[in-house]
Amino acid sequence: MADNTVSSPRGLGGLFARRSGKRLHWTDWVSYGFLIIGVFVMFGPVLWVVLSSLKSPASLSEFPPTFLPYATETVAVAGYEEPLDLYTVTLPDGSTRKMAQIRRIGLQAQMIDPQNPSDKISVNIADRVPERKVAPAWNNYTDLFAPNSGRNMGLYTYNSVFITVVATIITVVMNAMAAFALSKYRFKGRDGALVAILATLMIPSTVVLVPVFMIVGAIGLVGNLWGVILPTVATPTGVFLLRQYMLTIPDELLEAARMDHATEWRIFWRIIMPLSAPALAVVAIFSMMSRWNDFLLPLVMLNRPEKFTLQLALNSFQGENVVQYNYLLAMTVLTALPVALVFVGLQRYIASGIASTGIK
């Protein structure tokens, strides 16, 4: 009889789980192969973006592209102020020499021997191969925060953090209040209100963008960070998640609190909110990720550079005639890093919170 038990080294959980105790079963090979392919598909593009953010503009424009951030080696030559690029040159007799390039004119390159600067030759560019080494261009990141860069990255970061934190707090409170009313109170039109809230999920955000802009402009918040925060504080997804979770809280707890003369506001803050912590964490995480990555609404509402968020700052690297891909990729990595850290650190709350709401 086949051994169907699953074993794993103690302390490593299911990472090295096997079908049999000693030898790998063919199903183990299939499972590990599927997981490795999945990891490559999911994280391959992310790794490519991170490594590309460490490439120089010249390396980014190369074809075929390279996976690692390579750079041409340079050598200091007497009589020249700047270091010259080093190449391996194939001479007409078939021999090779390491030489530095002075200049390139069309298909010809003027080369010089670093040890003997008076020895100059002209070679076809096809007969030279650059000497390369792995050299991350860390200046792609440091230049973003340089005082003379013309970009106030500290201010952009503050704007993004302010919008994300404040909008998340208001979103959690307002959604929790709506969910509390829809789950624990019986009133005429309750089910209709829930259906109307969920129906807004089918309306694209771009459809209501113009009315939202007109309302924000009428109250004088265009160009203000609050003009980005207030239109997004009520989310139908958050209301639905919290309502489903609050339905699992026994009504007897609320009745007991009312018998002790607790107000509805106190019941909400002292009983409902603490017991709904897992679902509140899920709503907060989703809200943080959404607000941090939002581009369209800040683009419409914020018309002054000092109010720009990090996502709008990304757009500044794309000009009419040139795109600074090295800075654009570096900025993309920096803006995606906080979201990745939040998701990785709080993913257990997402799994447990969604599971506890009864959503399949």
Protein backbone atom coordinates (compact mmCIF):
# COMPACT_ATOMS: atom_id res chain seq x y z
CA MET A 1 0.00 0.00 0.00
CA ALA A 2 1.32 3.42 -0.94
CA ASP A 3 2.42 5.74 1.80
CA ASN A 4 0.14 8.78 1.67
CA THR A 5 1.49 10.49 4.74
CA VAL A 6 2.92 13.98 4.51
CA SER A 7 6.12 14.72 6.35
CA SER A 8 8.22 17.81 6.77
CA PRO A 9 11.36 18.79 8.70
CA ARG A 10 10.51 19.95 12.16
CA GLY A 11 10.26 23.72 12.50
CA LEU A 12 9.97 24.45 8.75
CA GLY A 13 6.22 24.02 8.50
CA GLY A 14 4.91 22.95 5.12
CA LEU A 15 7.73 24.49 3.05
CA PHE A 16 9.53 21.16 2.64
CA ALA A 17 6.51 18.90 3.04
CA ARG A 18 6.70 15.59 1.18
CA ARG A 19 4.24 12.88 0.33
CA SER A 20 6.52 10.14 1.70
CA GLY A 21 8.96 10.12 4.55
CA LYS A 22 12.32 9.64 2.78
CA ARG A 23 12.14 9.86 -0.99
CA LEU A 24 10.39 12.47 -3.08
CA HIS A 25 7.24 11.17 -4.74
CA TRP A 26 6.48 12.18 -8.34
CA THR A 27 3.67 14.36 -7.00
CA ASP A 28 6.25 16.22 -4.90
CA TRP A 29 8.25 17.04 -8.04
CA VAL A 30 5.13 18.28 -9.80
CA SER A 31 4.11 20.38 -6.79
CA TYR A 32 7.53 21.97 -6.36
CA GLY A 33 7.80 22.59 -10.10
CA PHE A 34 4.42 24.30 -10.14
CA LEU A 35 5.37 26.45 -7.13
CA ILE A 36 8.72 27.44 -8.64
CA ILE A 37 7.03 28.47 -11.89
CA GLY A 38 4.46 30.44 -9.89
CA VAL A 39 7.17 32.26 -7.93
CA PHE A 40 9.00 33.09 -11.16
CA VAL A 41 5.86 34.40 -12.85
CA MET A 42 4.84 36.49 -9.83
CA PHE A 43 8.20 37.89 -8.75
CA GLY A 44 10.16 37.84 -12.01
CA PRO A 45 8.75 41.19 -13.24
CA VAL A 46 9.27 42.73 -9.80
CA LEU A 47 12.92 41.63 -9.75
CA TRP A 48 13.36 42.95 -13.30
CA VAL A 49 12.04 46.38 -12.29
CA VAL A 50 14.29 46.53 -9.20
CA LEU A 51 17.40 45.59 -11.20
CA SER A 52 16.47 47.93 -14.03
CA SER A 53 16.18 50.79 -11.55
CA LEU A 54 19.91 50.30 -10.88
CA LYS A 55 20.91 50.67 -14.54
CA SER A 56 22.32 53.76 -16.20
CA PRO A 57 20.40 55.42 -19.06
CA ALA A 58 22.85 53.93 -21.57
CA SER A 59 22.36 50.43 -20.14
CA LEU A 60 18.58 50.79 -20.25
CA SER A 61 18.67 51.62 -23.97
CA GLU A 62 20.76 48.57 -24.88
CA PHE A 63 19.42 45.82 -27.13
CA PRO A 64 19.23 43.03 -26.31
CA PRO A 65 18.60 44.08 -22.73
CA THR A 66 20.66 42.68 -19.89
CA PHE A 67 19.32 41.27 -16.65
CA LEU A 68 22.00 42.68 -14.36
CA PRO A 69 23.03 46.36 -14.22
CA TYR A 70 26.27 46.28 -16.19
CA ALA A 71 28.53 49.25 -16.84
CA THR A 72 31.52 49.68 -19.12
CA GLU A 73 34.85 49.73 -17.31
CA THR A 74 36.84 52.93 -17.55
CA VAL A 75 40.54 53.68 -17.37
CA ALA A 76 42.44 56.88 -16.62
CA VAL A 77 44.78 57.86 -19.46
CA ALA A 78 47.44 60.53 -19.20
CA GLY A 79 46.49 63.67 -21.10
CA TYR A 80 42.73 63.15 -20.77
CA GLU A 81 40.66 64.74 -18.04
CA GLU A 82 37.85 62.16 -17.98
CA PRO A 83 38.32 58.37 -17.73
CA LEU A 84 37.90 56.60 -21.07
CA ASP A 85 35.77 53.52 -21.75
CA LEU A 86 37.77 50.30 -22.00
CA TYR A 87 37.26 47.85 -24.88
CA THR A 88 38.73 44.60 -26.15
CA VAL A 89 39.73 45.31 -29.76
CA THR A 90 40.23 42.63 -32.40
CA LEU A 91 43.11 43.69 -34.65
CA PRO A 92 43.40 42.82 -38.38
CA ASP A 93 45.91 40.03 -37.60
CA GLY A 94 43.35 38.36 -35.30
CA SER A 95 45.01 39.32 -32.03
CA THR A 96 43.19 41.23 -29.29
CA ARG A 97 44.20 44.17 -27.17
CA LYS A 98 42.57 46.15 -24.41
CA MET A 99 42.26 49.73 -25.56
CA ALA A 100 40.43 52.88 -24.53
CA GLN A 101 38.04 54.71 -26.82
CA ILE A 102 38.72 58.38 -27.43
CA ARG A 103 35.79 59.12 -29.70
CA ARG A 104 33.41 57.49 -32.14
CA ILE A 105 32.61 58.86 -35.56
CA GLY A 106 29.94 56.89 -37.42
CA LEU A 107 31.07 53.27 -37.76
CA GLN A 108 34.66 54.05 -36.82
CA ALA A 109 36.08 54.44 -33.31
CA GLN A 110 39.42 55.99 -32.44
CA MET A 111 41.18 53.84 -29.86
CA ILE A 112 44.25 54.41 -27.73
CA ASP A 113 46.52 52.12 -25.74
CA PRO A 114 46.22 53.14 -22.06
CA GLN A 115 49.85 52.15 -21.45
CA ASN A 116 51.12 53.97 -24.53
CA PRO A 117 48.94 57.04 -25.23
CA SER A 118 50.79 57.81 -28.42
CA ASP A 119 49.60 54.54 -29.97
CA LYS A 120 46.28 55.43 -31.66
CA ILE A 121 44.37 53.35 -34.16
CA SER A 122 40.99 53.53 -35.88
CA VAL A 123 38.82 50.40 -35.79
CA ASN A 124 35.35 49.41 -36.89
CA ILE A 125 32.87 49.46 -34.04
CA ALA A 126 32.02 45.83 -34.80
CA ASP A 127 35.61 44.86 -33.91
CA ARG A 128 35.46 46.09 -30.35
CA VAL A 129 33.71 44.60 -27.32
CA PRO A 130 33.27 46.66 -24.15
CA GLU A 131 34.84 45.46 -20.94
CA ARG A 132 31.92 45.32 -18.53
CA LYS A 133 31.28 44.76 -14.87
CA VAL A 134 28.27 44.71 -12.58
CA ALA A 135 27.95 48.30 -11.34
CA PRO A 136 24.62 49.35 -9.79
CA ALA A 137 23.79 52.99 -10.52
CA TRP A 138 22.87 54.02 -6.98
CA ASN A 139 22.82 57.63 -8.12
CA ASN A 140 19.38 56.91 -9.64
CA TYR A 141 18.10 56.94 -6.05
CA THR A 142 20.38 59.52 -4.48
CA ASP A 143 19.73 62.06 -7.24
CA LEU A 144 16.02 62.01 -6.43
CA PHE A 145 16.68 63.52 -3.00
CA ALA A 146 19.56 65.79 -3.98
CA PRO A 147 18.99 69.45 -2.98
CA ASN A 148 19.72 70.63 -6.54
CA SER A 149 17.44 68.09 -8.21
CA GLY A 150 14.53 70.55 -8.39
CA ARG A 151 12.16 67.98 -6.89
CA ASN A 152 10.93 68.24 -3.32
CA MET A 153 10.60 64.52 -2.66
CA GLY A 154 10.22 65.09 1.07
CA LEU A 155 7.13 67.26 0.48
CA TYR A 156 5.66 64.77 -1.99
CA THR A 157 6.17 61.98 0.54
CA TYR A 158 4.47 64.01 3.26
CA ASN A 159 1.48 64.70 1.00
CA SER A 160 1.09 61.01 0.16
CA VAL A 161 1.42 59.93 3.79
CA PHE A 162 -1.04 62.59 4.98
CA ILE A 163 -3.66 61.63 2.41
CA THR A 164 -3.21 57.91 3.06
CA VAL A 165 -3.31 58.06 6.86
CA VAL A 166 -6.13 60.58 7.24
CA ALA A 167 -8.29 59.02 4.52
CA THR A 168 -7.79 55.56 6.01
CA ILE A 169 -8.82 56.67 9.51
CA ILE A 170 -11.95 58.44 8.26
CA THR A 171 -12.79 55.54 5.93
CA VAL A 172 -12.57 52.97 8.72
CA VAL A 173 -14.75 55.03 11.09
CA MET A 174 -17.42 55.95 8.54
CA ASN A 175 -17.64 52.47 7.06
CA ALA A 176 -17.86 50.97 10.55
CA MET A 177 -20.70 53.32 11.51
CA ALA A 178 -22.63 52.47 8.34
CA ALA A 179 -22.02 48.76 8.81
CA PHE A 180 -23.15 48.96 12.44
CA ALA A 181 -26.44 50.57 11.43
CA LEU A 182 -27.04 48.07 8.60
CA SER A 183 -26.24 45.03 10.73
CA LYS A 184 -27.63 45.79 14.19
CA TYR A 185 -30.61 48.06 13.58
CA ARG A 186 -33.92 47.13 11.98
CA PHE A 187 -35.52 49.98 10.09
CA LYS A 188 -37.57 50.44 6.97
CA GLY A 189 -35.45 50.49 3.85
CA ARG A 190 -32.41 48.85 5.43
CA ASP A 191 -32.07 46.18 2.76
CA GLY A 192 -32.70 48.71 0.02
CA ALA A 193 -29.94 50.94 1.39
CA LEU A 194 -27.53 48.01 1.39
CA VAL A 195 -28.43 47.13 -2.20
CA ALA A 196 -27.98 50.77 -3.24
CA ILE A 197 -24.55 50.87 -1.60
CA LEU A 198 -23.44 47.65 -3.27
CA ALA A 199 -24.83 48.83 -6.61
CA THR A 200 -22.28 51.64 -6.66
CA LEU A 201 -19.61 48.97 -7.16
CA MET A 202 -20.80 48.67 -10.76
CA ILE A 203 -20.23 52.38 -11.46
CA PRO A 204 -16.69 53.12 -12.73
CA SER A 205 -14.92 55.87 -10.83
CA THR A 206 -14.30 57.77 -14.07
CA VAL A 207 -18.06 58.16 -14.60
CA VAL A 208 -18.50 60.17 -11.41
CA LEU A 209 -15.19 62.02 -11.71
CA VAL A 210 -16.71 65.17 -13.24
CA PRO A 211 -19.56 65.46 -10.68
CA VAL A 212 -17.07 64.88 -7.87
CA PHE A 213 -14.81 67.60 -9.24
CA MET A 214 -17.73 70.03 -9.46
CA ILE A 215 -18.76 69.31 -5.86
CA VAL A 216 -15.21 69.66 -4.57
CA GLY A 217 -14.82 72.89 -6.52
CA ALA A 218 -18.09 74.23 -5.11
CA ILE A 219 -16.80 73.85 -1.56
CA GLY A 220 -13.42 75.33 -2.47
CA LEU A 221 -11.20 72.29 -1.98
CA VAL A 222 -9.67 72.05 -5.45
CA GLY A 223 -5.91 72.25 -5.03
CA ASN A 224 -6.23 71.12 -1.41
CA LEU A 225 -5.28 67.72 0.01
CA TRP A 226 -8.74 67.47 1.59
CA GLY A 227 -10.20 67.56 -1.91
CA VAL A 228 -8.55 64.16 -2.46
CA ILE A 229 -9.41 62.74 0.96
CA LEU A 230 -13.13 63.49 1.34
CA PRO A 231 -14.53 62.06 -1.94
CA THR A 232 -13.13 58.60 -1.16
CA VAL A 233 -13.89 58.10 2.53
CA ALA A 234 -17.02 55.99 1.96
CA THR A 235 -16.38 52.71 0.18
CA PRO A 236 -19.09 50.11 -0.55
CA THR A 237 -16.59 47.28 -0.23
CA GLY A 238 -15.62 48.37 3.28
CA VAL A 239 -19.26 48.71 4.35
CA PHE A 240 -20.07 45.24 3.04
CA LEU A 241 -17.05 43.57 4.67
CA LEU A 242 -17.72 45.17 8.05
CA ARG A 243 -21.46 44.47 7.91
CA GLN A 244 -20.84 40.79 7.20
CA TYR A 245 -18.46 40.59 10.14
CA MET A 246 -20.70 42.51 12.54
CA LEU A 247 -23.55 40.12 11.81
CA THR A 248 -21.52 37.46 13.63
CA ILE A 249 -21.42 39.52 16.84
CA PRO A 250 -24.21 38.29 19.17
CA ASP A 251 -27.04 40.77 19.69
CA GLU A 252 -27.16 39.68 23.34
CA LEU A 253 -23.97 41.66 23.99
CA LEU A 254 -25.65 44.84 22.80
CA GLU A 255 -28.81 44.15 24.79
CA ALA A 256 -26.77 43.57 27.93
CA ALA A 257 -24.96 46.87 27.38
CA ARG A 258 -28.25 48.71 26.91
CA MET A 259 -29.56 47.21 30.16
CA ASP A 260 -26.50 48.73 31.83
CA HIS A 261 -27.59 52.10 30.40
CA ALA A 262 -24.81 52.28 27.82
CA THR A 263 -25.44 54.73 25.01
CA GLU A 264 -25.42 53.61 21.39
CA TRP A 265 -22.27 55.59 20.80
CA ARG A 266 -20.55 53.84 23.70
CA ILE A 267 -21.73 50.44 22.46
CA PHE A 268 -20.25 51.21 19.09
CA TRP A 269 -16.86 52.30 20.43
CA ARG A 270 -16.47 49.92 23.39
CA ILE A 271 -18.03 46.73 22.01
CA ILE A 272 -18.47 46.74 18.24
CA MET A 273 -15.14 48.33 17.27
CA PRO A 274 -12.89 46.10 19.46
CA LEU A 275 -14.71 42.93 18.41
CA SER A 276 -14.49 43.93 14.73
CA ALA A 277 -10.71 44.45 14.82
CA PRO A 278 -9.86 41.76 12.18
CA ALA A 279 -12.34 43.17 9.67
CA LEU A 280 -11.29 46.74 10.46
CA ALA A 281 -7.68 45.75 9.75
CA VAL A 282 -8.69 44.42 6.33
CA VAL A 283 -10.56 47.62 5.45
CA ALA A 284 -7.62 49.72 6.68
CA ILE A 285 -5.11 47.76 4.60
CA PHE A 286 -7.21 47.97 1.45
CA SER A 287 -7.77 51.68 2.04
CA MET A 288 -4.05 52.36 2.55
CA MET A 289 -3.11 50.53 -0.63
CA SER A 290 -5.80 52.29 -2.64
CA ARG A 291 -5.03 55.80 -1.38
CA TRP A 292 -1.27 55.40 -1.72
CA ASN A 293 -1.51 54.19 -5.33
CA ASP A 294 -4.25 56.60 -6.41
CA PHE A 295 -3.26 58.70 -9.41
CA LEU A 296 -6.37 59.89 -11.26
CA LEU A 297 -8.13 61.74 -8.45
CA PRO A 298 -5.01 63.63 -7.26
CA LEU A 299 -4.22 64.46 -10.89
CA VAL A 300 -7.60 66.14 -11.27
CA MET A 301 -7.86 67.77 -7.84
CA LEU A 302 -4.29 68.94 -7.18
CA ASN A 303 -3.19 71.72 -9.53
CA ARG A 304 -0.18 73.03 -7.62
CA PRO A 305 3.24 71.28 -7.58
CA GLU A 306 3.63 71.76 -3.83
CA LYS A 307 0.50 69.63 -3.30
CA PHE A 308 1.59 66.77 -5.56
CA THR A 309 1.76 63.21 -4.25
CA LEU A 310 4.44 60.67 -5.07
CA GLN A 311 2.31 59.19 -7.83
CA LEU A 312 2.05 62.59 -9.50
CA ALA A 313 5.78 63.10 -9.04
CA LEU A 314 6.31 59.95 -11.09
CA ASN A 315 4.62 61.65 -14.01
CA SER A 316 7.17 64.48 -13.91
CA PHE A 317 9.87 62.14 -15.25
CA GLN A 318 7.99 61.81 -18.54
CA GLY A 319 8.56 64.81 -20.74
CA GLU A 320 7.28 65.63 -24.20
CA ASN A 321 10.49 64.58 -25.92
CA VAL A 322 12.35 62.48 -23.36
CA VAL A 323 11.54 59.98 -20.62
CA GLN A 324 13.99 59.60 -17.75
CA TYR A 325 13.54 55.87 -17.36
CA ASN A 326 16.32 55.47 -14.80
CA TYR A 327 14.67 57.91 -12.37
CA LEU A 328 11.18 56.69 -13.28
CA LEU A 329 12.07 53.10 -12.39
CA ALA A 330 13.83 54.12 -9.18
CA MET A 331 10.84 56.19 -8.12
CA THR A 332 8.51 53.31 -8.97
CA VAL A 333 10.44 51.02 -6.64
CA LEU A 334 10.37 53.57 -3.83
CA THR A 335 6.63 54.18 -4.14
CA ALA A 336 5.83 50.47 -4.32
CA LEU A 337 8.01 49.54 -1.34
CA PRO A 338 5.67 50.82 1.43
CA VAL A 339 2.68 49.00 -0.08
CA ALA A 340 4.68 45.78 -0.35
CA LEU A 341 5.84 46.05 3.27
CA VAL A 342 2.30 46.68 4.51
CA PHE A 343 0.92 43.76 2.54
CA VAL A 344 3.66 41.33 3.61
CA GLY A 345 3.54 42.39 7.25
CA LEU A 346 -0.25 42.34 7.57
CA GLN A 347 -1.25 39.61 5.13
CA ARG A 348 -2.36 37.33 7.97
CA TYR A 349 -4.94 39.95 8.96
CA ILE A 350 -6.19 40.05 5.38
CA ALA A 351 -6.64 36.28 5.25
CA SER A 352 -8.27 35.96 8.67
CA GLY A 353 -10.43 39.07 8.25
CA ILE A 354 -11.83 38.10 4.87
CA ALA A 355 -12.38 34.51 6.00
CA SER A 356 -14.31 35.66 9.06
CA THR A 357 -16.69 37.78 6.97
CA GLY A 358 -18.09 34.69 5.32
CA ILE A 359 -17.02 35.68 1.79
CA LYS A 360 -16.11 32.73 -0.42
